[in-house]
């Protein structure tokens, strides 16, 4: 694995770990200013770093407990995919566990410029 691939892998690992610790600042620092985020794919994209910050702050304020554990991270050039085990619950309710695939595109500075989340059963 090249050092560039290692850097991208580490950025993804940092992003995923930030959910469990609810560290929005660390998470947002990984995004390009013009980030586009689809979660899940097919839903309206959230665009821009400020909108992403608002989204993540609202998620934490909403009482969500989320743990994202990478099962496999694959980097090819300026893109990467992570097969990720998710455990998510809110308000003390038992968490729901599922597997997602996250597709990341990086800009020339190594920041996430696009993040698309595929899930087995997207919400209706």
C-alpha atoms as a PDB file:
ATOM      1  CA  UNK A   1       0.000   0.000   0.000  1.00  0.00           C
ATOM      2  CA  UNK A   2       1.418   3.394  -0.977  1.00  0.00           C
ATOM      3  CA  UNK A   3       1.767   6.168   1.585  1.00  0.00           C
ATOM      4  CA  UNK A   4      -1.033   8.024  -0.227  1.00  0.00           C
ATOM      5  CA  UNK A   5      -3.293   4.977   0.129  1.00  0.00           C
ATOM      6  CA  UNK A   6      -2.322   4.677   3.807  1.00  0.00           C
ATOM      7  CA  UNK A   7      -3.184   8.347   4.377  1.00  0.00           C
ATOM      8  CA  UNK A   8      -6.599   7.870   2.762  1.00  0.00           C
ATOM      9  CA  UNK A   9      -7.217   4.700   4.772  1.00  0.00           C
ATOM     10  CA  UNK A  10      -6.302   6.515   7.978  1.00  0.00           C
ATOM     11  CA  UNK A  11      -8.641   9.420   7.109  1.00  0.00           C
ATOM     12  CA  UNK A  12     -11.505   6.953   6.656  1.00  0.00           C
ATOM     13  CA  UNK A  13     -10.659   5.189   9.935  1.00  0.00           C
ATOM     14  CA  UNK A  14     -10.589   8.550  11.726  1.00  0.00           C
ATOM     15  CA  UNK A  15     -13.935   9.506  10.190  1.00  0.00           C
ATOM     16  CA  UNK A  16     -15.563   6.227  11.272  1.00  0.00           C
ATOM     17  CA  UNK A  17     -14.116   6.381  14.804  1.00  0.00           C
ATOM     18  CA  UNK A  18     -15.434   9.944  15.263  1.00  0.00           C
ATOM     19  CA  UNK A  19     -19.007   8.644  15.391  1.00  0.00           C
ATOM     20  CA  UNK A  20     -18.520   6.582  18.545  1.00  0.00           C
ATOM     21  CA  UNK A  21     -16.813   9.502  20.319  1.00  0.00           C
ATOM     22  CA  UNK A  22     -19.286  12.043  18.860  1.00  0.00           C
ATOM     23  CA  UNK A  23     -16.324  14.157  17.734  1.00  0.00           C
ATOM     24  CA  UNK A  24     -17.931  16.374  15.105  1.00  0.00           C
ATOM     25  CA  UNK A  25     -14.890  18.687  14.881  1.00  0.00           C
ATOM     26  CA  UNK A  26     -12.542  15.879  13.884  1.00  0.00           C
ATOM     27  CA  UNK A  27     -15.083  14.548  11.402  1.00  0.00           C
ATOM     28  CA  UNK A  28     -15.690  17.937   9.739  1.00  0.00           C
ATOM     29  CA  UNK A  29     -11.942  18.610   9.415  1.00  0.00           C
ATOM     30  CA  UNK A  30     -11.744  15.681   6.965  1.00  0.00           C
ATOM     31  CA  UNK A  31     -14.171  17.303   4.479  1.00  0.00           C
ATOM     32  CA  UNK A  32     -13.474  19.642   1.582  1.00  0.00           C
ATOM     33  CA  UNK A  33     -15.413  22.915   1.671  1.00  0.00           C
ATOM     34  CA  UNK A  34     -17.572  21.746  -1.246  1.00  0.00           C
ATOM     35  CA  UNK A  35     -18.343  18.261   0.134  1.00  0.00           C
ATOM     36  CA  UNK A  36     -21.373  16.414  -1.243  1.00  0.00           C
ATOM     37  CA  UNK A  37     -22.865  13.793   1.109  1.00  0.00           C
ATOM     38  CA  UNK A  38     -25.603  11.312   0.180  1.00  0.00           C
ATOM     39  CA  UNK A  39     -26.897   9.109   2.998  1.00  0.00           C
ATOM     40  CA  UNK A  40     -28.375   6.961   1.624  1.00  0.00           C
ATOM     41  CA  UNK A  41     -27.633   7.205  -2.089  1.00  0.00           C
ATOM     42  CA  UNK A  42     -30.733   8.527  -3.829  1.00  0.00           C
ATOM     43  CA  UNK A  43     -31.649  10.946  -1.045  1.00  0.00           C
ATOM     44  CA  UNK A  44     -31.000  14.676  -1.515  1.00  0.00           C
ATOM     45  CA  UNK A  45     -27.287  15.411  -1.095  1.00  0.00           C
ATOM     46  CA  UNK A  46     -26.101  17.617   1.739  1.00  0.00           C
ATOM     47  CA  UNK A  47     -23.689  20.100   0.172  1.00  0.00           C
ATOM     48  CA  UNK A  48     -20.963  22.144   1.789  1.00  0.00           C
ATOM     49  CA  UNK A  49     -18.949  21.886   4.981  1.00  0.00           C
ATOM     50  CA  UNK A  50     -21.250  24.211   6.974  1.00  0.00           C
ATOM     51  CA  UNK A  51     -24.331  22.130   6.106  1.00  0.00           C
ATOM     52  CA  UNK A  52     -22.438  18.971   7.031  1.00  0.00           C
ATOM     53  CA  UNK A  53     -21.513  20.449  10.393  1.00  0.00           C
ATOM     54  CA  UNK A  54     -25.160  21.338  11.068  1.00  0.00           C
ATOM     55  CA  UNK A  55     -26.226  17.800  10.088  1.00  0.00           C
ATOM     56  CA  UNK A  56     -23.715  16.114  12.396  1.00  0.00           C
ATOM     57  CA  UNK A  57     -24.372  18.488  15.317  1.00  0.00           C
ATOM     58  CA  UNK A  58     -28.116  17.751  14.983  1.00  0.00           C
ATOM     59  CA  UNK A  59     -27.402  13.990  14.939  1.00  0.00           C
ATOM     60  CA  UNK A  60     -25.453  14.214  18.206  1.00  0.00           C
ATOM     61  CA  UNK A  61     -28.058  16.558  19.759  1.00  0.00           C
ATOM     62  CA  UNK A  62     -30.791  14.101  18.722  1.00  0.00           C
ATOM     63  CA  UNK A  63     -29.315  11.520  21.087  1.00  0.00           C
ATOM     64  CA  UNK A  64     -28.013   9.120  18.461  1.00  0.00           C
ATOM     65  CA  UNK A  65     -25.377   6.600  19.530  1.00  0.00           C
ATOM     66  CA  UNK A  66     -23.579   5.381  16.412  1.00  0.00           C
ATOM     67  CA  UNK A  67     -20.646   3.022  16.078  1.00  0.00           C
ATOM     68  CA  UNK A  68     -19.101   2.463  12.642  1.00  0.00           C
ATOM     69  CA  UNK A  69     -16.567  -0.369  12.416  1.00  0.00           C
ATOM     70  CA  UNK A  70     -14.737  -0.869   9.111  1.00  0.00           C
ATOM     71  CA  UNK A  71     -14.705  -4.460   7.887  1.00  0.00           C
ATOM     72  CA  UNK A  72     -12.638  -3.668   4.782  1.00  0.00           C
ATOM     73  CA  UNK A  73     -11.294  -0.436   3.295  1.00  0.00           C
ATOM     74  CA  UNK A  74     -10.221  -0.420  -0.364  1.00  0.00           C
ATOM     75  CA  UNK A  75      -8.390   2.535  -1.915  1.00  0.00           C
ATOM     76  CA  UNK A  76      -8.027   2.965  -5.676  1.00  0.00           C
ATOM     77  CA  UNK A  77      -6.466   6.233  -6.789  1.00  0.00           C
ATOM     78  CA  UNK A  78      -8.577   9.190  -5.664  1.00  0.00           C
ATOM     79  CA  UNK A  79     -11.482   7.043  -4.449  1.00  0.00           C
ATOM     80  CA  UNK A  80     -12.071   4.508  -1.713  1.00  0.00           C
ATOM     81  CA  UNK A  81     -14.808   2.230  -0.438  1.00  0.00           C
ATOM     82  CA  UNK A  82     -15.418   0.997   3.084  1.00  0.00           C
ATOM     83  CA  UNK A  83     -17.561  -1.981   3.962  1.00  0.00           C
ATOM     84  CA  UNK A  84     -18.712  -0.924   7.404  1.00  0.00           C
ATOM     85  CA  UNK A  85     -20.624  -2.549  10.251  1.00  0.00           C
ATOM     86  CA  UNK A  86     -23.067  -0.049  11.779  1.00  0.00           C
ATOM     87  CA  UNK A  87     -24.683  -0.092  15.187  1.00  0.00           C
ATOM     88  CA  UNK A  88     -27.104   2.808  15.697  1.00  0.00           C
ATOM     89  CA  UNK A  89     -29.642   3.596  18.375  1.00  0.00           C
ATOM     90  CA  UNK A  90     -31.358   6.637  19.786  1.00  0.00           C
ATOM     91  CA  UNK A  91     -32.774   7.534  23.166  1.00  0.00           C
ATOM     92  CA  UNK A  92     -31.460   4.458  24.937  1.00  0.00           C
ATOM     93  CA  UNK A  93     -33.338   2.089  22.619  1.00  0.00           C
ATOM     94  CA  UNK A  94     -31.526  -1.079  21.557  1.00  0.00           C
ATOM     95  CA  UNK A  95     -29.283  -0.377  18.562  1.00  0.00           C
ATOM     96  CA  UNK A  96     -29.996  -1.653  15.074  1.00  0.00           C
ATOM     97  CA  UNK A  97     -27.063  -3.344  13.351  1.00  0.00           C
ATOM     98  CA  UNK A  98     -26.498  -3.380   9.602  1.00  0.00           C
ATOM     99  CA  UNK A  99     -23.782  -3.303   6.971  1.00  0.00           C
ATOM    100  CA  UNK A 100     -23.223  -0.311   4.694  1.00  0.00           C
ATOM    101  CA  UNK A 101     -20.839   0.531   1.880  1.00  0.00           C
ATOM    102  CA  UNK A 102     -19.390   4.027   1.892  1.00  0.00           C
ATOM    103  CA  UNK A 103     -17.772   5.415  -1.262  1.00  0.00           C
ATOM    104  CA  UNK A 104     -15.350   8.298  -0.729  1.00  0.00           C
ATOM    105  CA  UNK A 105     -13.816  10.604  -3.359  1.00  0.00           C
ATOM    106  CA  UNK A 106     -10.797  12.678  -2.342  1.00  0.00           C
ATOM    107  CA  UNK A 107      -9.691  16.075  -3.602  1.00  0.00           C
ATOM    108  CA  UNK A 108      -6.065  16.962  -4.358  1.00  0.00           C
ATOM    109  CA  UNK A 109      -5.535  18.009  -0.702  1.00  0.00           C
ATOM    110  CA  UNK A 110      -6.664  14.592   0.545  1.00  0.00           C
ATOM    111  CA  UNK A 111     -10.013  15.838   1.874  1.00  0.00           C
ATOM    112  CA  UNK A 112     -13.322  14.067   1.234  1.00  0.00           C
ATOM    113  CA  UNK A 113     -15.071  15.848  -1.655  1.00  0.00           C
ATOM    114  CA  UNK A 114     -17.826  13.262  -1.957  1.00  0.00           C
ATOM    115  CA  UNK A 115     -19.251  10.611   0.328  1.00  0.00           C
ATOM    116  CA  UNK A 116     -22.040   8.283  -0.785  1.00  0.00           C
ATOM    117  CA  UNK A 117     -23.565   5.706   1.552  1.00  0.00           C
ATOM    118  CA  UNK A 118     -25.161   2.537   0.201  1.00  0.00           C
ATOM    119  CA  UNK A 119     -27.276   0.462   2.545  1.00  0.00           C
ATOM    120  CA  UNK A 120     -28.905  -2.907   2.267  1.00  0.00           C
ATOM    121  CA  UNK A 121     -32.393  -1.612   3.008  1.00  0.00           C
ATOM    122  CA  UNK A 122     -32.637   2.150   2.559  1.00  0.00           C
ATOM    123  CA  UNK A 123     -35.369   3.841   4.573  1.00  0.00           C
ATOM    124  CA  UNK A 124     -38.589   4.417   2.644  1.00  0.00           C
END
